[in-house]
Amino acid sequence: TTKLKSKLAFDKDILAINYAIETVNRTVYLIGIAQDQ
């Protein structure tokens, strides 16, 4: 989770604030709103 948040935060083409992340047993769950596909 920490690693993914960091990747999103430093990607200038992603508004990371619009995503919430949970990880359970190495499965990542994403929820939020994307600007586009």
PDB file of all heavy atoms in Angstrom:
ATOM      1  N   THR A   1       0.825  -1.208   0.000  1.00  0.00           N
ATOM      2  CA  THR A   1       0.000   0.000   0.000  1.00  0.00           C
ATOM      3  C   THR A   1       0.858   1.257   0.000  1.00  0.00           C
ATOM      4  O   THR A   1       0.612   2.197  -0.770  1.00  0.00           O
ATOM      5  CB  THR A   1      -0.937   0.020   1.221  1.00  0.00           C
ATOM      6  OG1 THR A   1      -1.817  -1.110   1.163  1.00  0.00           O
ATOM      7  CG2 THR A   1      -1.772   1.297   1.258  1.00  0.00           C
ATOM      8  N   THR A   2       1.877   1.276   0.848  1.00  0.00           N
ATOM      9  CA  THR A   2       2.772   2.428   0.931  1.00  0.00           C
ATOM     10  C   THR A   2       3.519   2.636  -0.377  1.00  0.00           C
ATOM     11  O   THR A   2       3.658   3.769  -0.861  1.00  0.00           O
ATOM     12  CB  THR A   2       3.789   2.241   2.075  1.00  0.00           C
ATOM     13  OG1 THR A   2       3.085   2.062   3.306  1.00  0.00           O
ATOM     14  CG2 THR A   2       4.700   3.458   2.196  1.00  0.00           C
ATOM     15  N   LYS A   3       3.984   1.542  -0.957  1.00  0.00           N
ATOM     16  CA  LYS A   3       4.720   1.602  -2.221  1.00  0.00           C
ATOM     17  C   LYS A   3       3.837   2.163  -3.331  1.00  0.00           C
ATOM     18  O   LYS A   3       4.269   3.032  -4.114  1.00  0.00           O
ATOM     19  CB  LYS A   3       5.203   0.198  -2.600  1.00  0.00           C
ATOM     20  CG  LYS A   3       6.080   0.125  -3.842  1.00  0.00           C
ATOM     21  CD  LYS A   3       7.475   0.636  -3.571  1.00  0.00           C
ATOM     22  CE  LYS A   3       8.395   0.391  -4.760  1.00  0.00           C
ATOM     23  NZ  LYS A   3       9.761   0.923  -4.523  1.00  0.00           N
ATOM     24  N   LEU A   4       2.600   1.689  -3.421  1.00  0.00           N
ATOM     25  CA  LEU A   4       1.697   2.146  -4.477  1.00  0.00           C
ATOM     26  C   LEU A   4       1.328   3.613  -4.290  1.00  0.00           C
ATOM     27  O   LEU A   4       1.282   4.377  -5.260  1.00  0.00           O
ATOM     28  CB  LEU A   4       0.437   1.283  -4.508  1.00  0.00           C
ATOM     29  CG  LEU A   4      -0.591   1.638  -5.586  1.00  0.00           C
ATOM     30  CD1 LEU A   4       0.052   1.679  -6.968  1.00  0.00           C
ATOM     31  CD2 LEU A   4      -1.746   0.641  -5.563  1.00  0.00           C
ATOM     32  N   LYS A   5       1.070   4.021  -3.063  1.00  0.00           N
ATOM     33  CA  LYS A   5       0.755   5.432  -2.803  1.00  0.00           C
ATOM     34  C   LYS A   5       1.904   6.325  -3.243  1.00  0.00           C
ATOM     35  O   LYS A   5       1.691   7.410  -3.795  1.00  0.00           O
ATOM     36  CB  LYS A   5       0.457   5.643  -1.321  1.00  0.00           C
ATOM     37  CG  LYS A   5      -0.899   5.116  -0.887  1.00  0.00           C
ATOM     38  CD  LYS A   5      -1.153   5.398   0.584  1.00  0.00           C
ATOM     39  CE  LYS A   5      -2.546   4.936   1.002  1.00  0.00           C
ATOM     40  NZ  LYS A   5      -2.826   5.209   2.429  1.00  0.00           N
ATOM     41  N   SER A   6       3.113   5.871  -2.991  1.00  0.00           N
ATOM     42  CA  SER A   6       4.288   6.638  -3.393  1.00  0.00           C
ATOM     43  C   SER A   6       4.388   6.746  -4.908  1.00  0.00           C
ATOM     44  O   SER A   6       4.659   7.817  -5.462  1.00  0.00           O
ATOM     45  CB  SER A   6       5.555   5.979  -2.837  1.00  0.00           C
ATOM     46  OG  SER A   6       6.710   6.665  -3.264  1.00  0.00           O
ATOM     47  N   LYS A   7       4.156   5.634  -5.597  1.00  0.00           N
ATOM     48  CA  LYS A   7       4.210   5.627  -7.065  1.00  0.00           C
ATOM     49  C   LYS A   7       3.176   6.595  -7.656  1.00  0.00           C
ATOM     50  O   LYS A   7       3.469   7.343  -8.596  1.00  0.00           O
ATOM     51  CB  LYS A   7       3.965   4.205  -7.597  1.00  0.00           C
ATOM     52  CG  LYS A   7       5.169   3.267  -7.477  1.00  0.00           C
ATOM     53  CD  LYS A   7       4.797   1.879  -7.970  1.00  0.00           C
ATOM     54  CE  LYS A   7       5.999   0.949  -8.008  1.00  0.00           C
ATOM     55  NZ  LYS A   7       6.927   1.273  -9.100  1.00  0.00           N
ATOM     56  N   LEU A   8       1.965   6.582  -7.113  1.00  0.00           N
ATOM     57  CA  LEU A   8       0.913   7.448  -7.623  1.00  0.00           C
ATOM     58  C   LEU A   8       1.216   8.918  -7.333  1.00  0.00           C
ATOM     59  O   LEU A   8       0.980   9.799  -8.170  1.00  0.00           O
ATOM     60  CB  LEU A   8      -0.441   7.079  -7.017  1.00  0.00           C
ATOM     61  CG  LEU A   8      -0.957   5.656  -7.247  1.00  0.00           C
ATOM     62  CD1 LEU A   8      -2.420   5.552  -6.789  1.00  0.00           C
ATOM     63  CD2 LEU A   8      -0.838   5.243  -8.702  1.00  0.00           C
ATOM     64  N   ALA A   9       1.743   9.167  -6.135  1.00  0.00           N
ATOM     65  CA  ALA A   9       2.028  10.539  -5.729  1.00  0.00           C
ATOM     66  C   ALA A   9       3.080  11.204  -6.611  1.00  0.00           C
ATOM     67  O   ALA A   9       3.020  12.411  -6.871  1.00  0.00           O
ATOM     68  CB  ALA A   9       2.480  10.573  -4.271  1.00  0.00           C
ATOM     69  N   PHE A  10       4.036  10.431  -7.088  1.00  0.00           N
ATOM     70  CA  PHE A  10       5.126  10.999  -7.868  1.00  0.00           C
ATOM     71  C   PHE A  10       4.940  10.840  -9.381  1.00  0.00           C
ATOM     72  O   PHE A  10       5.840  11.153 -10.147  1.00  0.00           O
ATOM     73  CB  PHE A  10       6.462  10.394  -7.429  1.00  0.00           C
ATOM     74  CG  PHE A  10       6.899  10.892  -6.074  1.00  0.00           C
ATOM     75  CD1 PHE A  10       6.693  10.117  -4.945  1.00  0.00           C
ATOM     76  CD2 PHE A  10       7.483  12.145  -5.933  1.00  0.00           C
ATOM     77  CE1 PHE A  10       7.072  10.583  -3.687  1.00  0.00           C
ATOM     78  CE2 PHE A  10       7.865  12.608  -4.686  1.00  0.00           C
ATOM     79  CZ  PHE A  10       7.659  11.834  -3.551  1.00  0.00           C
ATOM     80  N   ASP A  11       3.749  10.387  -9.772  1.00  0.00           N
ATOM     81  CA  ASP A  11       3.427  10.329 -11.191  1.00  0.00           C
ATOM     82  C   ASP A  11       2.647  11.597 -11.543  1.00  0.00           C
ATOM     83  O   ASP A  11       1.505  11.767 -11.116  1.00  0.00           O
ATOM     84  CB  ASP A  11       2.587   9.082 -11.503  1.00  0.00           C
ATOM     85  CG  ASP A  11       2.364   8.872 -12.995  1.00  0.00           C
ATOM     86  OD1 ASP A  11       2.264   9.881 -13.730  1.00  0.00           O
ATOM     87  OD2 ASP A  11       2.290   7.704 -13.427  1.00  0.00           O
ATOM     88  N   LYS A  12       3.253  12.490 -12.307  1.00  0.00           N
ATOM     89  CA  LYS A  12       2.642  13.791 -12.617  1.00  0.00           C
ATOM     90  C   LYS A  12       1.368  13.663 -13.447  1.00  0.00           C
ATOM     91  O   LYS A  12       0.590  14.618 -13.547  1.00  0.00           O
ATOM     92  CB  LYS A  12       3.641  14.682 -13.359  1.00  0.00           C
ATOM     93  CG  LYS A  12       4.117  14.137 -14.694  1.00  0.00           C
ATOM     94  CD  LYS A  12       5.149  15.062 -15.326  1.00  0.00           C
ATOM     95  CE  LYS A  12       5.665  14.510 -16.664  1.00  0.00           C
ATOM     96  NZ  LYS A  12       4.582  14.328 -17.648  1.00  0.00           N
ATOM     97  N   ASP A  13       1.134  12.508 -14.035  1.00  0.00           N
ATOM     98  CA  ASP A  13      -0.059  12.309 -14.851  1.00  0.00           C
ATOM     99  C   ASP A  13      -1.218  11.672 -14.083  1.00  0.00           C
ATOM    100  O   ASP A  13      -2.224  11.268 -14.670  1.00  0.00           O
ATOM    101  CB  ASP A  13       0.277  11.441 -16.074  1.00  0.00           C
ATOM    102  CG  ASP A  13       1.234  12.142 -17.031  1.00  0.00           C
ATOM    103  OD1 ASP A  13       1.052  13.357 -17.250  1.00  0.00           O
ATOM    104  OD2 ASP A  13       2.154  11.484 -17.538  1.00  0.00           O
ATOM    105  N   ILE A  14      -1.048  11.568 -12.758  1.00  0.00           N
ATOM    106  CA  ILE A  14      -2.087  10.970 -11.912  1.00  0.00           C
ATOM    107  C   ILE A  14      -2.433  11.906 -10.761  1.00  0.00           C
ATOM    108  O   ILE A  14      -1.539  12.410 -10.079  1.00  0.00           O
ATOM    109  CB  ILE A  14      -1.622   9.612 -11.337  1.00  0.00           C
ATOM    110  CG1 ILE A  14      -1.443   8.589 -12.459  1.00  0.00           C
ATOM    111  CG2 ILE A  14      -2.631   9.082 -10.309  1.00  0.00           C
ATOM    112  CD1 ILE A  14      -0.864   7.269 -11.986  1.00  0.00           C
ATOM    113  N   LEU A  15      -3.726  12.154 -10.550  1.00  0.00           N
ATOM    114  CA  LEU A  15      -4.183  12.909  -9.381  1.00  0.00           C
ATOM    115  C   LEU A  15      -4.392  11.902  -8.252  1.00  0.00           C
ATOM    116  O   LEU A  15      -5.494  11.376  -8.047  1.00  0.00           O
ATOM    117  CB  LEU A  15      -5.479  13.658  -9.701  1.00  0.00           C
ATOM    118  CG  LEU A  15      -5.351  14.825 -10.686  1.00  0.00           C
ATOM    119  CD1 LEU A  15      -6.720  15.466 -10.939  1.00  0.00           C
ATOM    120  CD2 LEU A  15      -4.385  15.882 -10.155  1.00  0.00           C
ATOM    121  N   ALA A  16      -3.311  11.627  -7.541  1.00  0.00           N
ATOM    122  CA  ALA A  16      -3.324  10.559  -6.536  1.00  0.00           C
ATOM    123  C   ALA A  16      -4.335  10.781  -5.429  1.00  0.00           C
ATOM    124  O   ALA A  16      -4.818   9.821  -4.810  1.00  0.00           O
ATOM    125  CB  ALA A  16      -1.914  10.407  -5.944  1.00  0.00           C
ATOM    126  N   ILE A  17      -4.674  12.033  -5.152  1.00  0.00           N
ATOM    127  CA  ILE A  17      -5.605  12.343  -4.067  1.00  0.00           C
ATOM    128  C   ILE A  17      -6.981  11.740  -4.306  1.00  0.00           C
ATOM    129  O   ILE A  17      -7.781  11.586  -3.384  1.00  0.00           O
ATOM    130  CB  ILE A  17      -5.719  13.873  -3.890  1.00  0.00           C
ATOM    131  CG1 ILE A  17      -6.389  14.231  -2.559  1.00  0.00           C
ATOM    132  CG2 ILE A  17      -6.457  14.511  -5.056  1.00  0.00           C
ATOM    133  CD1 ILE A  17      -5.587  13.852  -1.348  1.00  0.00           C
ATOM    134  N   ASN A  18      -7.284  11.379  -5.544  1.00  0.00           N
ATOM    135  CA  ASN A  18      -8.601  10.841  -5.883  1.00  0.00           C
ATOM    136  C   ASN A  18      -8.711   9.325  -5.732  1.00  0.00           C
ATOM    137  O   ASN A  18      -9.726   8.735  -6.134  1.00  0.00           O
ATOM    138  CB  ASN A  18      -8.973  11.217  -7.323  1.00  0.00           C
ATOM    139  CG  ASN A  18      -9.300  12.693  -7.458  1.00  0.00           C
ATOM    140  OD1 ASN A  18      -9.881  13.286  -6.562  1.00  0.00           O
ATOM    141  ND2 ASN A  18      -8.912  13.286  -8.572  1.00  0.00           N
ATOM    142  N   TYR A  19      -7.680   8.702  -5.163  1.00  0.00           N
ATOM    143  CA  TYR A  19      -7.682   7.244  -5.037  1.00  0.00           C
ATOM    144  C   TYR A  19      -7.496   6.810  -3.582  1.00  0.00           C
ATOM    145  O   TYR A  19      -6.722   7.411  -2.841  1.00  0.00           O
ATOM    146  CB  TYR A  19      -6.558   6.624  -5.877  1.00  0.00           C
ATOM    147  CG  TYR A  19      -6.713   6.860  -7.362  1.00  0.00           C
ATOM    148  CD1 TYR A  19      -6.202   8.002  -7.961  1.00  0.00           C
ATOM    149  CD2 TYR A  19      -7.387   5.941  -8.170  1.00  0.00           C
ATOM    150  CE1 TYR A  19      -6.353   8.238  -9.316  1.00  0.00           C
ATOM    151  CE2 TYR A  19      -7.539   6.160  -9.530  1.00  0.00           C
ATOM    152  CZ  TYR A  19      -7.021   7.306 -10.094  1.00  0.00           C
ATOM    153  OH  TYR A  19      -7.181   7.535 -11.445  1.00  0.00           O
ATOM    154  N   ALA A  20      -8.227   5.774  -3.202  1.00  0.00           N
ATOM    155  CA  ALA A  20      -8.041   5.135  -1.898  1.00  0.00           C
ATOM    156  C   ALA A  20      -7.587   3.708  -2.165  1.00  0.00           C
ATOM    157  O   ALA A  20      -8.050   3.062  -3.111  1.00  0.00           O
ATOM    158  CB  ALA A  20      -9.334   5.147  -1.099  1.00  0.00           C
ATOM    159  N   ILE A  21      -6.665   3.228  -1.338  1.00  0.00           N
ATOM    160  CA  ILE A  21      -6.037   1.919  -1.576  1.00  0.00           C
ATOM    161  C   ILE A  21      -6.109   1.047  -0.324  1.00  0.00           C
ATOM    162  O   ILE A  21      -5.842   1.506   0.785  1.00  0.00           O
ATOM    163  CB  ILE A  21      -4.555   2.098  -1.965  1.00  0.00           C
ATOM    164  CG1 ILE A  21      -4.429   3.022  -3.181  1.00  0.00           C
ATOM    165  CG2 ILE A  21      -3.891   0.745  -2.224  1.00  0.00           C
ATOM    166  CD1 ILE A  21      -3.017   3.537  -3.390  1.00  0.00           C
ATOM    167  N   GLU A  22      -6.478  -0.203  -0.500  1.00  0.00           N
ATOM    168  CA  GLU A  22      -6.406  -1.202   0.567  1.00  0.00           C
ATOM    169  C   GLU A  22      -5.721  -2.439   0.000  1.00  0.00           C
ATOM    170  O   GLU A  22      -5.934  -2.791  -1.171  1.00  0.00           O
ATOM    171  CB  GLU A  22      -7.805  -1.581   1.064  1.00  0.00           C
ATOM    172  CG  GLU A  22      -8.506  -0.514   1.874  1.00  0.00           C
ATOM    173  CD  GLU A  22      -8.006  -0.411   3.296  1.00  0.00           C
ATOM    174  OE1 GLU A  22      -7.183  -1.263   3.696  1.00  0.00           O
ATOM    175  OE2 GLU A  22      -8.440   0.507   4.011  1.00  0.00           O
ATOM    176  N   THR A  23      -4.907  -3.094   0.813  1.00  0.00           N
ATOM    177  CA  THR A  23      -4.249  -4.328   0.384  1.00  0.00           C
ATOM    178  C   THR A  23      -4.503  -5.421   1.412  1.00  0.00           C
ATOM    179  O   THR A  23      -4.289  -5.214   2.612  1.00  0.00           O
ATOM    180  CB  THR A  23      -2.728  -4.120   0.224  1.00  0.00           C
ATOM    181  OG1 THR A  23      -2.482  -3.004  -0.637  1.00  0.00           O
ATOM    182  CG2 THR A  23      -2.082  -5.366  -0.369  1.00  0.00           C
ATOM    183  N   VAL A  24      -4.982  -6.561   0.942  1.00  0.00           N
ATOM    184  CA  VAL A  24      -5.242  -7.699   1.821  1.00  0.00           C
ATOM    185  C   VAL A  24      -4.678  -8.955   1.171  1.00  0.00           C
ATOM    186  O   VAL A  24      -5.036  -9.292   0.038  1.00  0.00           O
ATOM    187  CB  VAL A  24      -6.756  -7.889   2.068  1.00  0.00           C
ATOM    188  CG1 VAL A  24      -6.993  -9.094   2.980  1.00  0.00           C
ATOM    189  CG2 VAL A  24      -7.358  -6.634   2.677  1.00  0.00           C
ATOM    190  N   ASN A  25      -3.786  -9.632   1.896  1.00  0.00           N
ATOM    191  CA  ASN A  25      -3.168 -10.849   1.380  1.00  0.00           C
ATOM    192  C   ASN A  25      -2.598 -10.647  -0.028  1.00  0.00           C
ATOM    193  O   ASN A  25      -2.812 -11.464  -0.930  1.00  0.00           O
ATOM    194  CB  ASN A  25      -4.161 -12.012   1.394  1.00  0.00           C
ATOM    195  CG  ASN A  25      -4.513 -12.429   2.815  1.00  0.00           C
ATOM    196  OD1 ASN A  25      -3.734 -12.232   3.749  1.00  0.00           O
ATOM    197  ND2 ASN A  25      -5.690 -12.988   2.985  1.00  0.00           N
ATOM    198  N   ARG A  26      -1.946  -9.506  -0.217  1.00  0.00           N
ATOM    199  CA  ARG A  26      -1.254  -9.128  -1.451  1.00  0.00           C
ATOM    200  C   ARG A  26      -2.195  -8.848  -2.629  1.00  0.00           C
ATOM    201  O   ARG A  26      -1.757  -8.736  -3.771  1.00  0.00           O
ATOM    202  CB  ARG A  26      -0.201 -10.177  -1.831  1.00  0.00           C
ATOM    203  CG  ARG A  26       0.937 -10.276  -0.822  1.00  0.00           C
ATOM    204  CD  ARG A  26       2.039 -11.176  -1.305  1.00  0.00           C
ATOM    205  NE  ARG A  26       1.631 -12.556  -1.385  1.00  0.00           N
ATOM    206  CZ  ARG A  26       2.316 -13.509  -2.008  1.00  0.00           C
ATOM    207  NH1 ARG A  26       3.452 -13.205  -2.627  1.00  0.00           N
ATOM    208  NH2 ARG A  26       1.888 -14.756  -2.031  1.00  0.00           N
ATOM    209  N   THR A  27      -3.494  -8.734  -2.344  1.00  0.00           N
ATOM    210  CA  THR A  27      -4.447  -8.272  -3.350  1.00  0.00           C
ATOM    211  C   THR A  27      -4.722  -6.791  -3.101  1.00  0.00           C
ATOM    212  O   THR A  27      -5.076  -6.405  -1.979  1.00  0.00           O
ATOM    213  CB  THR A  27      -5.766  -9.062  -3.283  1.00  0.00           C
ATOM    214  OG1 THR A  27      -5.532 -10.406  -3.703  1.00  0.00           O
ATOM    215  CG2 THR A  27      -6.815  -8.442  -4.207  1.00  0.00           C
ATOM    216  N   VAL A  28      -4.567  -5.970  -4.127  1.00  0.00           N
ATOM    217  CA  VAL A  28      -4.770  -4.529  -4.017  1.00  0.00           C
ATOM    218  C   VAL A  28      -6.191  -4.169  -4.440  1.00  0.00           C
ATOM    219  O   VAL A  28      -6.657  -4.599  -5.499  1.00  0.00           O
ATOM    220  CB  VAL A  28      -3.766  -3.759  -4.897  1.00  0.00           C
ATOM    221  CG1 VAL A  28      -4.063  -2.258  -4.874  1.00  0.00           C
ATOM    222  CG2 VAL A  28      -2.337  -4.017  -4.428  1.00  0.00           C
ATOM    223  N   TYR A  29      -6.865  -3.379  -3.601  1.00  0.00           N
ATOM    224  CA  TYR A  29      -8.210  -2.911  -3.914  1.00  0.00           C
ATOM    225  C   TYR A  29      -8.161  -1.399  -4.108  1.00  0.00           C
ATOM    226  O   TYR A  29      -7.634  -0.670  -3.269  1.00  0.00           O
ATOM    227  CB  TYR A  29      -9.179  -3.256  -2.779  1.00  0.00           C
ATOM    228  CG  TYR A  29      -9.307  -4.742  -2.536  1.00  0.00           C
ATOM    229  CD1 TYR A  29      -8.522  -5.381  -1.568  1.00  0.00           C
ATOM    230  CD2 TYR A  29     -10.199  -5.511  -3.276  1.00  0.00           C
ATOM    231  CE1 TYR A  29      -8.629  -6.745  -1.350  1.00  0.00           C
ATOM    232  CE2 TYR A  29     -10.312  -6.879  -3.063  1.00  0.00           C
ATOM    233  CZ  TYR A  29      -9.522  -7.496  -2.107  1.00  0.00           C
ATOM    234  OH  TYR A  29      -9.627  -8.835  -1.893  1.00  0.00           O
ATOM    235  N   LEU A  30      -8.723  -0.923  -5.216  1.00  0.00           N
ATOM    236  CA  LEU A  30      -8.729   0.502  -5.541  1.00  0.00           C
ATOM    237  C   LEU A  30     -10.151   1.034  -5.608  1.00  0.00           C
ATOM    238  O   LEU A  30     -11.045   0.381  -6.153  1.00  0.00           O
ATOM    239  CB  LEU A  30      -8.065   0.732  -6.901  1.00  0.00           C
ATOM    240  CG  LEU A  30      -6.602   0.279  -7.052  1.00  0.00           C
ATOM    241  CD1 LEU A  30      -6.196   0.344  -8.523  1.00  0.00           C
ATOM    242  CD2 LEU A  30      -5.684   1.158  -6.205  1.00  0.00           C
ATOM    243  N   ILE A  31     -10.360   2.236  -5.058  1.00  0.00           N
ATOM    244  CA  ILE A  31     -11.643   2.913  -5.174  1.00  0.00           C
ATOM    245  C   ILE A  31     -11.358   4.402  -5.302  1.00  0.00           C
ATOM    246  O   ILE A  31     -10.353   4.904  -4.793  1.00  0.00           O
ATOM    247  CB  ILE A  31     -12.550   2.624  -3.953  1.00  0.00           C
ATOM    248  CG1 ILE A  31     -13.977   3.134  -4.214  1.00  0.00           C
ATOM    249  CG2 ILE A  31     -11.986   3.209  -2.674  1.00  0.00           C
ATOM    250  CD1 ILE A  31     -14.994   2.703  -3.164  1.00  0.00           C
ATOM    251  N   GLY A  32     -12.231   5.117  -6.019  1.00  0.00           N
ATOM    252  CA  GLY A  32     -12.031   6.543  -6.217  1.00  0.00           C
ATOM    253  C   GLY A  32     -12.555   6.984  -7.552  1.00  0.00           C
ATOM    254  O   GLY A  32     -13.471   6.366  -8.111  1.00  0.00           O
ATOM    255  N   ILE A  33     -11.973   8.064  -8.080  1.00  0.00           N
ATOM    256  CA  ILE A  33     -12.396   8.602  -9.373  1.00  0.00           C
ATOM    257  C   ILE A  33     -11.170   8.901 -10.231  1.00  0.00           C
ATOM    258  O   ILE A  33     -10.254   9.602  -9.803  1.00  0.00           O
ATOM    259  CB  ILE A  33     -13.215   9.896  -9.200  1.00  0.00           C
ATOM    260  CG1 ILE A  33     -14.524   9.609  -8.457  1.00  0.00           C
ATOM    261  CG2 ILE A  33     -13.516  10.527 -10.559  1.00  0.00           C
ATOM    262  CD1 ILE A  33     -15.373  10.827  -8.220  1.00  0.00           C
ATOM    263  N   ALA A  34     -11.167   8.360 -11.454  1.00  0.00           N
ATOM    264  CA  ALA A  34     -10.088   8.609 -12.407  1.00  0.00           C
ATOM    265  C   ALA A  34     -10.494   9.724 -13.358  1.00  0.00           C
ATOM    266  O   ALA A  34     -11.665   9.833 -13.733  1.00  0.00           O
ATOM    267  CB  ALA A  34      -9.774   7.342 -13.193  1.00  0.00           C
ATOM    268  N   GLN A  35      -9.530  10.546 -13.756  1.00  0.00           N
ATOM    269  CA  GLN A  35      -9.819  11.625 -14.691  1.00  0.00           C
ATOM    270  C   GLN A  35     -10.257  11.083 -16.049  1.00  0.00           C
ATOM    271  O   GLN A  35     -11.118  11.643 -16.704  1.00  0.00           O
ATOM    272  CB  GLN A  35      -8.579  12.510 -14.863  1.00  0.00           C
ATOM    273  CG  GLN A  35      -8.152  13.233 -13.598  1.00  0.00           C
ATOM    274  CD  GLN A  35      -9.237  14.157 -13.065  1.00  0.00           C
ATOM    275  OE1 GLN A  35      -9.601  15.128 -13.726  1.00  0.00           O
ATOM    276  NE2 GLN A  35      -9.764  13.847 -11.895  1.00  0.00           N
ATOM    277  N   ASP A  36      -9.651   9.989 -16.454  1.00  0.00           N
ATOM    278  CA  ASP A  36     -10.008   9.352 -17.722  1.00  0.00           C
ATOM    279  C   ASP A  36      -9.446   7.929 -17.733  1.00  0.00           C
ATOM    280  O   ASP A  36      -8.784   7.509 -16.785  1.00  0.00           O
ATOM    281  CB  ASP A  36      -9.478  10.146 -18.924  1.00  0.00           C
ATOM    282  CG  ASP A  36      -7.997  10.485 -18.793  1.00  0.00           C
ATOM    283  OD1 ASP A  36      -7.221   9.624 -18.324  1.00  0.00           O
ATOM    284  OD2 ASP A  36      -7.614  11.614 -19.157  1.00  0.00           O
ATOM    285  N   GLN A  37      -9.710   7.214 -18.807  1.00  0.00           N
ATOM    286  CA  GLN A  37      -9.268   5.824 -18.914  1.00  0.00           C
ATOM    287  C   GLN A  37      -7.756   5.711 -18.924  1.00  0.00           C
ATOM    288  O   GLN A  37      -7.176   4.756 -18.403  1.00  0.00           O
ATOM    289  CB  GLN A  37      -9.844   5.188 -20.183  1.00  0.00           C
ATOM    290  CG  GLN A  37      -9.674   3.679 -20.250  1.00  0.00           C
ATOM    291  CD  GLN A  37     -10.396   2.947 -19.132  1.00  0.00           C
ATOM    292  OE1 GLN A  37     -11.592   3.163 -18.920  1.00  0.00           O
ATOM    293  NE2 GLN A  37      -9.685   2.086 -18.407  1.00  0.00           N
TER     294      GLN A  37
END
